[in-house]
Amino acid sequence: MSYTKFGIRPELVERVKFKMKNPVVKDRIKMLLNGVTKYDLQDRAKVRKLVRTAAGVMQENLTDQQEEQLITFILAQKIDPNNTLHLIKLWAMFR
């Protein structure tokens, strides 16, 4: 799993996956990410804001180190939200 190479713990990923099964949380995250572009996902400041907001929605208390690991992971993936292959790759990584 590639996210473990960035120091992201599998327990955190499992907690987030469980919380995303809640339709209310899922809808709030979808609204948060609505309109995000690939350029937004390469801007460290915007990614930091998205990570903090998403953590707040899911009521996850992230340490500064966990936050940095997530930001570094997102930047390294070079995600294009309009590219189906990118989304499939991410889905396969976290399923």
PDB file of N, CA and C in Angstrom:
ATOM      1  N   MET A   1       0.848  -1.186   0.000  1.00  0.00           N
ATOM      2  CA  MET A   1       0.000   0.000   0.000  1.00  0.00           C
ATOM      3  C   MET A   1       0.883   1.235   0.000  1.00  0.00           C
ATOM      4  N   SER A   2       0.662   2.052  -0.931  1.00  0.00           N
ATOM      5  CA  SER A   2       1.559   3.181  -1.122  1.00  0.00           C
ATOM      6  C   SER A   2       1.446   4.229  -0.018  1.00  0.00           C
ATOM      7  N   TYR A   3       0.290   4.370   0.601  1.00  0.00           N
ATOM      8  CA  TYR A   3       0.165   5.398   1.641  1.00  0.00           C
ATOM      9  C   TYR A   3       1.020   5.076   2.867  1.00  0.00           C
ATOM     10  N   THR A   4       1.313   3.805   3.095  1.00  0.00           N
ATOM     11  CA  THR A   4       2.152   3.449   4.238  1.00  0.00           C
ATOM     12  C   THR A   4       3.590   3.924   4.044  1.00  0.00           C
ATOM     13  N   LYS A   5       4.013   4.087   2.797  1.00  0.00           N
ATOM     14  CA  LYS A   5       5.355   4.592   2.516  1.00  0.00           C
ATOM     15  C   LYS A   5       5.502   6.046   2.961  1.00  0.00           C
ATOM     16  N   PHE A   6       4.387   6.730   3.125  1.00  0.00           N
ATOM     17  CA  PHE A   6       4.396   8.119   3.569  1.00  0.00           C
ATOM     18  C   PHE A   6       4.198   8.225   5.079  1.00  0.00           C
ATOM     19  N   GLY A   7       4.132   7.083   5.757  1.00  0.00           N
ATOM     20  CA  GLY A   7       3.988   7.079   7.208  1.00  0.00           C
ATOM     21  C   GLY A   7       2.550   7.163   7.690  1.00  0.00           C
ATOM     22  N   ILE A   8       1.603   7.048   6.775  1.00  0.00           N
ATOM     23  CA  ILE A   8       0.184   7.100   7.157  1.00  0.00           C
ATOM     24  C   ILE A   8      -0.199   5.726   7.699  1.00  0.00           C
ATOM     25  N   ARG A   9      -0.727   5.721   8.913  1.00  0.00           N
ATOM     26  CA  ARG A   9      -1.029   4.464   9.586  1.00  0.00           C
ATOM     27  C   ARG A   9      -2.322   3.840   9.034  1.00  0.00           C
ATOM     28  N   PRO A  10      -2.305   2.520   8.822  1.00  0.00           N
ATOM     29  CA  PRO A  10      -3.504   1.823   8.337  1.00  0.00           C
ATOM     30  C   PRO A  10      -4.707   1.988   9.265  1.00  0.00           C
ATOM     31  N   GLU A  11      -4.464   2.162  10.575  1.00  0.00           N
ATOM     32  CA  GLU A  11      -5.576   2.343  11.520  1.00  0.00           C
ATOM     33  C   GLU A  11      -6.333   3.640  11.212  1.00  0.00           C
ATOM     34  N   LEU A  12      -5.599   4.693  10.884  1.00  0.00           N
ATOM     35  CA  LEU A  12      -6.223   5.969  10.528  1.00  0.00           C
ATOM     36  C   LEU A  12      -7.055   5.806   9.264  1.00  0.00           C
ATOM     37  N   VAL A  13      -6.502   5.122   8.280  1.00  0.00           N
ATOM     38  CA  VAL A  13      -7.217   4.906   7.017  1.00  0.00           C
ATOM     39  C   VAL A  13      -8.501   4.116   7.270  1.00  0.00           C
ATOM     40  N   GLU A  14      -8.438   3.097   8.085  1.00  0.00           N
ATOM     41  CA  GLU A  14      -9.628   2.276   8.376  1.00  0.00           C
ATOM     42  C   GLU A  14     -10.693   3.099   9.113  1.00  0.00           C
ATOM     43  N   ARG A  15     -10.268   3.945  10.064  1.00  0.00           N
ATOM     44  CA  ARG A  15     -11.228   4.800  10.772  1.00  0.00           C
ATOM     45  C   ARG A  15     -11.921   5.748   9.805  1.00  0.00           C
ATOM     46  N   VAL A  16     -11.154   6.345   8.904  1.00  0.00           N
ATOM     47  CA  VAL A  16     -11.712   7.287   7.938  1.00  0.00           C
ATOM     48  C   VAL A  16     -12.663   6.563   6.981  1.00  0.00           C
ATOM     49  N   LYS A  17     -12.279   5.381   6.522  1.00  0.00           N
ATOM     50  CA  LYS A  17     -13.154   4.607   5.637  1.00  0.00           C
ATOM     51  C   LYS A  17     -14.475   4.291   6.326  1.00  0.00           C
ATOM     52  N   PHE A  18     -14.413   3.932   7.601  1.00  0.00           N
ATOM     53  CA  PHE A  18     -15.629   3.629   8.355  1.00  0.00           C
ATOM     54  C   PHE A  18     -16.515   4.867   8.475  1.00  0.00           C
ATOM     55  N   LYS A  19     -15.890   6.009   8.780  1.00  0.00           N
ATOM     56  CA  LYS A  19     -16.657   7.244   8.934  1.00  0.00           C
ATOM     57  C   LYS A  19     -17.257   7.701   7.609  1.00  0.00           C
ATOM     58  N   MET A  20     -16.594   7.397   6.495  1.00  0.00           N
ATOM     59  CA  MET A  20     -17.113   7.797   5.184  1.00  0.00           C
ATOM     60  C   MET A  20     -18.338   6.981   4.782  1.00  0.00           C
ATOM     61  N   LYS A  21     -18.619   5.898   5.487  1.00  0.00           N
ATOM     62  CA  LYS A  21     -19.829   5.117   5.215  1.00  0.00           C
ATOM     63  C   LYS A  21     -21.070   5.817   5.738  1.00  0.00           C
ATOM     64  N   ASN A  22     -20.886   6.787   6.624  1.00  0.00           N
ATOM     65  CA  ASN A  22     -21.998   7.584   7.131  1.00  0.00           C
ATOM     66  C   ASN A  22     -22.418   8.560   6.027  1.00  0.00           C
ATOM     67  N   PRO A  23     -23.673   8.493   5.547  1.00  0.00           N
ATOM     68  CA  PRO A  23     -24.095   9.341   4.429  1.00  0.00           C
ATOM     69  C   PRO A  23     -23.948  10.842   4.696  1.00  0.00           C
ATOM     70  N   VAL A  24     -24.137  11.270   5.922  1.00  0.00           N
ATOM     71  CA  VAL A  24     -24.017  12.694   6.252  1.00  0.00           C
ATOM     72  C   VAL A  24     -22.568  13.151   6.093  1.00  0.00           C
ATOM     73  N   VAL A  25     -21.653  12.382   6.633  1.00  0.00           N
ATOM     74  CA  VAL A  25     -20.227  12.711   6.531  1.00  0.00           C
ATOM     75  C   VAL A  25     -19.799  12.669   5.069  1.00  0.00           C
ATOM     76  N   LYS A  26     -20.229  11.642   4.361  1.00  0.00           N
ATOM     77  CA  LYS A  26     -19.861  11.490   2.949  1.00  0.00           C
ATOM     78  C   LYS A  26     -20.332  12.694   2.133  1.00  0.00           C
ATOM     79  N   ASP A  27     -21.571  13.143   2.366  1.00  0.00           N
ATOM     80  CA  ASP A  27     -22.095  14.293   1.632  1.00  0.00           C
ATOM     81  C   ASP A  27     -21.337  15.572   1.958  1.00  0.00           C
ATOM     82  N   ARG A  28     -20.965  15.742   3.220  1.00  0.00           N
ATOM     83  CA  ARG A  28     -20.206  16.947   3.601  1.00  0.00           C
ATOM     84  C   ARG A  28     -18.827  16.948   2.953  1.00  0.00           C
ATOM     85  N   ILE A  29     -18.185  15.787   2.880  1.00  0.00           N
ATOM     86  CA  ILE A  29     -16.876  15.679   2.230  1.00  0.00           C
ATOM     87  C   ILE A  29     -17.020  15.920   0.730  1.00  0.00           C
ATOM     88  N   LYS A  30     -18.069  15.374   0.122  1.00  0.00           N
ATOM     89  CA  LYS A  30     -18.297  15.596  -1.304  1.00  0.00           C
ATOM     90  C   LYS A  30     -18.503  17.082  -1.601  1.00  0.00           C
ATOM     91  N   MET A  31     -19.243  17.778  -0.747  1.00  0.00           N
ATOM     92  CA  MET A  31     -19.446  19.218  -0.927  1.00  0.00           C
ATOM     93  C   MET A  31     -18.128  19.973  -0.765  1.00  0.00           C
ATOM     94  N   LEU A  32     -17.300  19.540   0.187  1.00  0.00           N
ATOM     95  CA  LEU A  32     -16.000  20.166   0.413  1.00  0.00           C
ATOM     96  C   LEU A  32     -15.115  20.043  -0.821  1.00  0.00           C
ATOM     97  N   LEU A  33     -15.164  18.894  -1.468  1.00  0.00           N
ATOM     98  CA  LEU A  33     -14.288  18.630  -2.609  1.00  0.00           C
ATOM     99  C   LEU A  33     -14.895  19.021  -3.957  1.00  0.00           C
ATOM    100  N   ASN A  34     -16.138  19.473  -3.940  1.00  0.00           N
ATOM    101  CA  ASN A  34     -16.792  19.896  -5.174  1.00  0.00           C
ATOM    102  C   ASN A  34     -16.052  21.091  -5.775  1.00  0.00           C
ATOM    103  N   GLY A  35     -15.642  20.950  -7.024  1.00  0.00           N
ATOM    104  CA  GLY A  35     -14.971  22.053  -7.709  1.00  0.00           C
ATOM    105  C   GLY A  35     -13.463  22.102  -7.502  1.00  0.00           C
ATOM    106  N   VAL A  36     -12.903  21.147  -6.776  1.00  0.00           N
ATOM    107  CA  VAL A  36     -11.457  21.117  -6.568  1.00  0.00           C
ATOM    108  C   VAL A  36     -10.796  20.680  -7.872  1.00  0.00           C
ATOM    109  N   THR A  37      -9.733  21.372  -8.260  1.00  0.00           N
ATOM    110  CA  THR A  37      -9.032  21.061  -9.501  1.00  0.00           C
ATOM    111  C   THR A  37      -7.687  20.400  -9.207  1.00  0.00           C
ATOM    112  N   LYS A  38      -7.055  19.914 -10.264  1.00  0.00           N
ATOM    113  CA  LYS A  38      -5.735  19.293 -10.083  1.00  0.00           C
ATOM    114  C   LYS A  38      -4.720  20.326  -9.625  1.00  0.00           C
ATOM    115  N   TYR A  39      -4.944  21.590  -9.975  1.00  0.00           N
ATOM    116  CA  TYR A  39      -4.030  22.652  -9.537  1.00  0.00           C
ATOM    117  C   TYR A  39      -4.204  22.936  -8.044  1.00  0.00           C
ATOM    118  N   ASP A  40      -5.446  22.837  -7.568  1.00  0.00           N
ATOM    119  CA  ASP A  40      -5.696  22.993  -6.129  1.00  0.00           C
ATOM    120  C   ASP A  40      -4.993  21.892  -5.345  1.00  0.00           C
ATOM    121  N   LEU A  41      -4.965  20.682  -5.916  1.00  0.00           N
ATOM    122  CA  LEU A  41      -4.376  19.540  -5.228  1.00  0.00           C
ATOM    123  C   LEU A  41      -2.854  19.506  -5.347  1.00  0.00           C
ATOM    124  N   GLN A  42      -2.275  20.501  -5.992  1.00  0.00           N
ATOM    125  CA  GLN A  42      -0.820  20.644  -6.041  1.00  0.00           C
ATOM    126  C   GLN A  42      -0.353  21.877  -5.280  1.00  0.00           C
ATOM    127  N   ASP A  43      -1.286  22.581  -4.661  1.00  0.00           N
ATOM    128  CA  ASP A  43      -0.981  23.772  -3.866  1.00  0.00           C
ATOM    129  C   ASP A  43      -0.989  23.375  -2.389  1.00  0.00           C
ATOM    130  N   ARG A  44       0.186  23.423  -1.769  1.00  0.00           N
ATOM    131  CA  ARG A  44       0.335  22.958  -0.383  1.00  0.00           C
ATOM    132  C   ARG A  44      -0.636  23.660   0.568  1.00  0.00           C
ATOM    133  N   ALA A  45      -0.820  24.964   0.414  1.00  0.00           N
ATOM    134  CA  ALA A  45      -1.708  25.712   1.322  1.00  0.00           C
ATOM    135  C   ALA A  45      -3.161  25.258   1.168  1.00  0.00           C
ATOM    136  N   LYS A  46      -3.602  25.054  -0.067  1.00  0.00           N
ATOM    137  CA  LYS A  46      -4.982  24.613  -0.293  1.00  0.00           C
ATOM    138  C   LYS A  46      -5.190  23.188   0.210  1.00  0.00           C
ATOM    139  N   VAL A  47      -4.198  22.339  -0.007  1.00  0.00           N
ATOM    140  CA  VAL A  47      -4.306  20.956   0.464  1.00  0.00           C
ATOM    141  C   VAL A  47      -4.346  20.931   1.985  1.00  0.00           C
ATOM    142  N   ARG A  48      -3.533  21.770   2.631  1.00  0.00           N
ATOM    143  CA  ARG A  48      -3.533  21.838   4.095  1.00  0.00           C
ATOM    144  C   ARG A  48      -4.925  22.233   4.606  1.00  0.00           C
ATOM    145  N   LYS A  49      -5.535  23.214   3.960  1.00  0.00           N
ATOM    146  CA  LYS A  49      -6.868  23.659   4.364  1.00  0.00           C
ATOM    147  C   LYS A  49      -7.896  22.543   4.158  1.00  0.00           C
ATOM    148  N   LEU A  50      -7.806  21.837   3.024  1.00  0.00           N
ATOM    149  CA  LEU A  50      -8.729  20.733   2.758  1.00  0.00           C
ATOM    150  C   LEU A  50      -8.570  19.609   3.790  1.00  0.00           C
ATOM    151  N   VAL A  51      -7.329  19.283   4.118  1.00  0.00           N
ATOM    152  CA  VAL A  51      -7.069  18.217   5.099  1.00  0.00           C
ATOM    153  C   VAL A  51      -7.630  18.611   6.461  1.00  0.00           C
ATOM    154  N   ARG A  52      -7.380  19.836   6.872  1.00  0.00           N
ATOM    155  CA  ARG A  52      -7.877  20.279   8.180  1.00  0.00           C
ATOM    156  C   ARG A  52      -9.399  20.307   8.212  1.00  0.00           C
ATOM    157  N   THR A  53     -10.019  20.794   7.154  1.00  0.00           N
ATOM    158  CA  THR A  53     -11.479  20.852   7.110  1.00  0.00           C
ATOM    159  C   THR A  53     -12.078  19.449   7.102  1.00  0.00           C
ATOM    160  N   ALA A  54     -11.494  18.560   6.295  1.00  0.00           N
ATOM    161  CA  ALA A  54     -11.996  17.186   6.229  1.00  0.00           C
ATOM    162  C   ALA A  54     -11.827  16.481   7.581  1.00  0.00           C
ATOM    163  N   ALA A  55     -10.723  16.722   8.250  1.00  0.00           N
ATOM    164  CA  ALA A  55     -10.507  16.128   9.572  1.00  0.00           C
ATOM    165  C   ALA A  55     -11.556  16.643  10.553  1.00  0.00           C
ATOM    166  N   GLY A  56     -11.902  17.904  10.448  1.00  0.00           N
ATOM    167  CA  GLY A  56     -12.944  18.471  11.303  1.00  0.00           C
ATOM    168  C   GLY A  56     -14.302  17.849  11.041  1.00  0.00           C
ATOM    169  N   VAL A  57     -14.624  17.647   9.765  1.00  0.00           N
ATOM    170  CA  VAL A  57     -15.899  17.023   9.397  1.00  0.00           C
ATOM    171  C   VAL A  57     -15.984  15.613   9.972  1.00  0.00           C
ATOM    172  N   MET A  58     -14.860  14.894   9.933  1.00  0.00           N
ATOM    173  CA  MET A  58     -14.851  13.511  10.418  1.00  0.00           C
ATOM    174  C   MET A  58     -14.515  13.405  11.898  1.00  0.00           C
ATOM    175  N   GLN A  59     -14.302  14.537  12.545  1.00  0.00           N
ATOM    176  CA  GLN A  59     -13.958  14.589  13.964  1.00  0.00           C
ATOM    177  C   GLN A  59     -12.714  13.750  14.262  1.00  0.00           C
ATOM    178  N   GLU A  60     -11.713  13.902  13.403  1.00  0.00           N
ATOM    179  CA  GLU A  60     -10.415  13.246  13.585  1.00  0.00           C
ATOM    180  C   GLU A  60      -9.436  14.292  14.095  1.00  0.00           C
ATOM    181  N   ASN A  61      -8.789  14.005  15.191  1.00  0.00           N
ATOM    182  CA  ASN A  61      -7.751  14.894  15.714  1.00  0.00           C
ATOM    183  C   ASN A  61      -6.416  14.447  15.143  1.00  0.00           C
ATOM    184  N   LEU A  62      -5.905  15.214  14.186  1.00  0.00           N
ATOM    185  CA  LEU A  62      -4.638  14.872  13.556  1.00  0.00           C
ATOM    186  C   LEU A  62      -3.498  15.614  14.236  1.00  0.00           C
ATOM    187  N   THR A  63      -2.404  14.919  14.436  1.00  0.00           N
ATOM    188  CA  THR A  63      -1.208  15.587  14.939  1.00  0.00           C
ATOM    189  C   THR A  63      -0.590  16.357  13.767  1.00  0.00           C
ATOM    190  N   ASP A  64       0.334  17.254  14.079  1.00  0.00           N
ATOM    191  CA  ASP A  64       1.008  18.003  13.017  1.00  0.00           C
ATOM    192  C   ASP A  64       1.742  17.051  12.073  1.00  0.00           C
ATOM    193  N   GLN A  65       2.323  16.003  12.641  1.00  0.00           N
ATOM    194  CA  GLN A  65       3.048  15.035  11.823  1.00  0.00           C
ATOM    195  C   GLN A  65       2.098  14.284  10.882  1.00  0.00           C
ATOM    196  N   GLN A  66       0.951  13.851  11.385  1.00  0.00           N
ATOM    197  CA  GLN A  66      -0.023  13.155  10.544  1.00  0.00           C
ATOM    198  C   GLN A  66      -0.522  14.074   9.432  1.00  0.00           C
ATOM    199  N   GLU A  67      -0.769  15.327   9.774  1.00  0.00           N
ATOM    200  CA  GLU A  67      -1.233  16.297   8.794  1.00  0.00           C
ATOM    201  C   GLU A  67      -0.196  16.462   7.677  1.00  0.00           C
ATOM    202  N   GLU A  68       1.061  16.597   8.047  1.00  0.00           N
ATOM    203  CA  GLU A  68       2.134  16.745   7.050  1.00  0.00           C
ATOM    204  C   GLU A  68       2.263  15.499   6.182  1.00  0.00           C
ATOM    205  N   GLN A  69       2.104  14.325   6.794  1.00  0.00           N
ATOM    206  CA  GLN A  69       2.177  13.083   6.025  1.00  0.00           C
ATOM    207  C   GLN A  69       1.057  13.019   4.991  1.00  0.00           C
ATOM    208  N   LEU A  70      -0.140  13.400   5.386  1.00  0.00           N
ATOM    209  CA  LEU A  70      -1.272  13.403   4.462  1.00  0.00           C
ATOM    210  C   LEU A  70      -1.053  14.407   3.329  1.00  0.00           C
ATOM    211  N   ILE A  71      -0.584  15.585   3.667  1.00  0.00           N
ATOM    212  CA  ILE A  71      -0.350  16.622   2.660  1.00  0.00           C
ATOM    213  C   ILE A  71       0.711  16.149   1.669  1.00  0.00           C
ATOM    214  N   THR A  72       1.803  15.597   2.171  1.00  0.00           N
ATOM    215  CA  THR A  72       2.874  15.099   1.303  1.00  0.00           C
ATOM    216  C   THR A  72       2.359  13.985   0.395  1.00  0.00           C
ATOM    217  N   PHE A  73       1.534  13.101   0.953  1.00  0.00           N
ATOM    218  CA  PHE A  73       0.956  12.015   0.164  1.00  0.00           C
ATOM    219  C   PHE A  73       0.094  12.562  -0.965  1.00  0.00           C
ATOM    220  N   ILE A  74      -0.791  13.497  -0.651  1.00  0.00           N
ATOM    221  CA  ILE A  74      -1.700  14.053  -1.654  1.00  0.00           C
ATOM    222  C   ILE A  74      -0.915  14.759  -2.761  1.00  0.00           C
ATOM    223  N   LEU A  75       0.079  15.547  -2.378  1.00  0.00           N
ATOM    224  CA  LEU A  75       0.885  16.249  -3.376  1.00  0.00           C
ATOM    225  C   LEU A  75       1.639  15.261  -4.267  1.00  0.00           C
ATOM    226  N   ALA A  76       2.152  14.179  -3.690  1.00  0.00           N
ATOM    227  CA  ALA A  76       2.930  13.203  -4.454  1.00  0.00           C
ATOM    228  C   ALA A  76       2.077  12.423  -5.451  1.00  0.00           C
ATOM    229  N   GLN A  77       0.782  12.292  -5.190  1.00  0.00           N
ATOM    230  CA  GLN A  77      -0.082  11.512  -6.077  1.00  0.00           C
ATOM    231  C   GLN A  77      -0.408  12.236  -7.375  1.00  0.00           C
ATOM    232  N   LYS A  78      -0.239  13.563  -7.394  1.00  0.00           N
ATOM    233  CA  LYS A  78      -0.549  14.373  -8.582  1.00  0.00           C
ATOM    234  C   LYS A  78      -1.944  14.022  -9.126  1.00  0.00           C
ATOM    235  N   ILE A  79      -2.918  14.124  -8.256  1.00  0.00           N
ATOM    236  CA  ILE A  79      -4.293  13.716  -8.552  1.00  0.00           C
ATOM    237  C   ILE A  79      -4.973  14.733  -9.458  1.00  0.00           C
ATOM    238  N   ASP A  80      -5.617  14.222 -10.499  1.00  0.00           N
ATOM    239  CA  ASP A  80      -6.494  15.036 -11.344  1.00  0.00           C
ATOM    240  C   ASP A  80      -7.908  14.512 -11.109  1.00  0.00           C
ATOM    241  N   PRO A  81      -8.749  15.267 -10.409  1.00  0.00           N
ATOM    242  CA  PRO A  81     -10.090  14.764 -10.085  1.00  0.00           C
ATOM    243  C   PRO A  81     -10.978  14.540 -11.310  1.00  0.00           C
ATOM    244  N   ASN A  82     -10.584  15.064 -12.462  1.00  0.00           N
ATOM    245  CA  ASN A  82     -11.371  14.863 -13.682  1.00  0.00           C
ATOM    246  C   ASN A  82     -10.858  13.696 -14.523  1.00  0.00           C
ATOM    247  N   ASN A  83      -9.806  13.031 -14.061  1.00  0.00           N
ATOM    248  CA  ASN A  83      -9.236  11.902 -14.776  1.00  0.00           C
ATOM    249  C   ASN A  83      -9.707  10.615 -14.104  1.00  0.00           C
ATOM    250  N   THR A  84     -10.512   9.858 -14.812  1.00  0.00           N
ATOM    251  CA  THR A  84     -11.092   8.640 -14.250  1.00  0.00           C
ATOM    252  C   THR A  84     -10.015   7.642 -13.827  1.00  0.00           C
ATOM    253  N   LEU A  85      -8.939   7.547 -14.590  1.00  0.00           N
ATOM    254  CA  LEU A  85      -7.882   6.594 -14.234  1.00  0.00           C
ATOM    255  C   LEU A  85      -7.225   6.954 -12.904  1.00  0.00           C
ATOM    256  N   HIS A  86      -7.059   8.240 -12.620  1.00  0.00           N
ATOM    257  CA  HIS A  86      -6.504   8.670 -11.332  1.00  0.00           C
ATOM    258  C   HIS A  86      -7.438   8.252 -10.201  1.00  0.00           C
ATOM    259  N   LEU A  87      -8.724   8.452 -10.418  1.00  0.00           N
ATOM    260  CA  LEU A  87      -9.701   8.123  -9.378  1.00  0.00           C
ATOM    261  C   LEU A  87      -9.779   6.613  -9.137  1.00  0.00           C
ATOM    262  N   ILE A  88      -9.681   5.832 -10.205  1.00  0.00           N
ATOM    263  CA  ILE A  88      -9.693   4.373 -10.059  1.00  0.00           C
ATOM    264  C   ILE A  88      -8.458   3.916  -9.296  1.00  0.00           C
ATOM    265  N   LYS A  89      -7.303   4.515  -9.597  1.00  0.00           N
ATOM    266  CA  LYS A  89      -6.059   4.163  -8.905  1.00  0.00           C
ATOM    267  C   LYS A  89      -6.197   4.446  -7.406  1.00  0.00           C
ATOM    268  N   LEU A  90      -6.763   5.593  -7.060  1.00  0.00           N
ATOM    269  CA  LEU A  90      -6.953   5.932  -5.646  1.00  0.00           C
ATOM    270  C   LEU A  90      -7.946   4.984  -4.991  1.00  0.00           C
ATOM    271  N   TRP A  91      -9.027   4.691  -5.682  1.00  0.00           N
ATOM    272  CA  TRP A  91     -10.031   3.785  -5.130  1.00  0.00           C
ATOM    273  C   TRP A  91      -9.415   2.431  -4.848  1.00  0.00           C
ATOM    274  N   ALA A  92      -8.599   1.927  -5.784  1.00  0.00           N
ATOM    275  CA  ALA A  92      -7.965   0.614  -5.613  1.00  0.00           C
ATOM    276  C   ALA A  92      -6.989   0.638  -4.436  1.00  0.00           C
ATOM    277  N   MET A  93      -6.334   1.767  -4.208  1.00  0.00           N
ATOM    278  CA  MET A  93      -5.356   1.886  -3.131  1.00  0.00           C
ATOM    279  C   MET A  93      -6.030   1.787  -1.761  1.00  0.00           C
ATOM    280  N   PHE A  94      -7.261   2.264  -1.647  1.00  0.00           N
ATOM    281  CA  PHE A  94      -7.921   2.363  -0.342  1.00  0.00           C
ATOM    282  C   PHE A  94      -9.082   1.402  -0.147  1.00  0.00           C
ATOM    283  N   ARG A  95      -9.334   0.510  -1.063  1.00  0.00           N
ATOM    284  CA  ARG A  95     -10.502  -0.371  -0.898  1.00  0.00           C
ATOM    285  C   ARG A  95     -10.300  -1.471   0.066  1.00  0.00           C
TER     286      ARG A  95
END
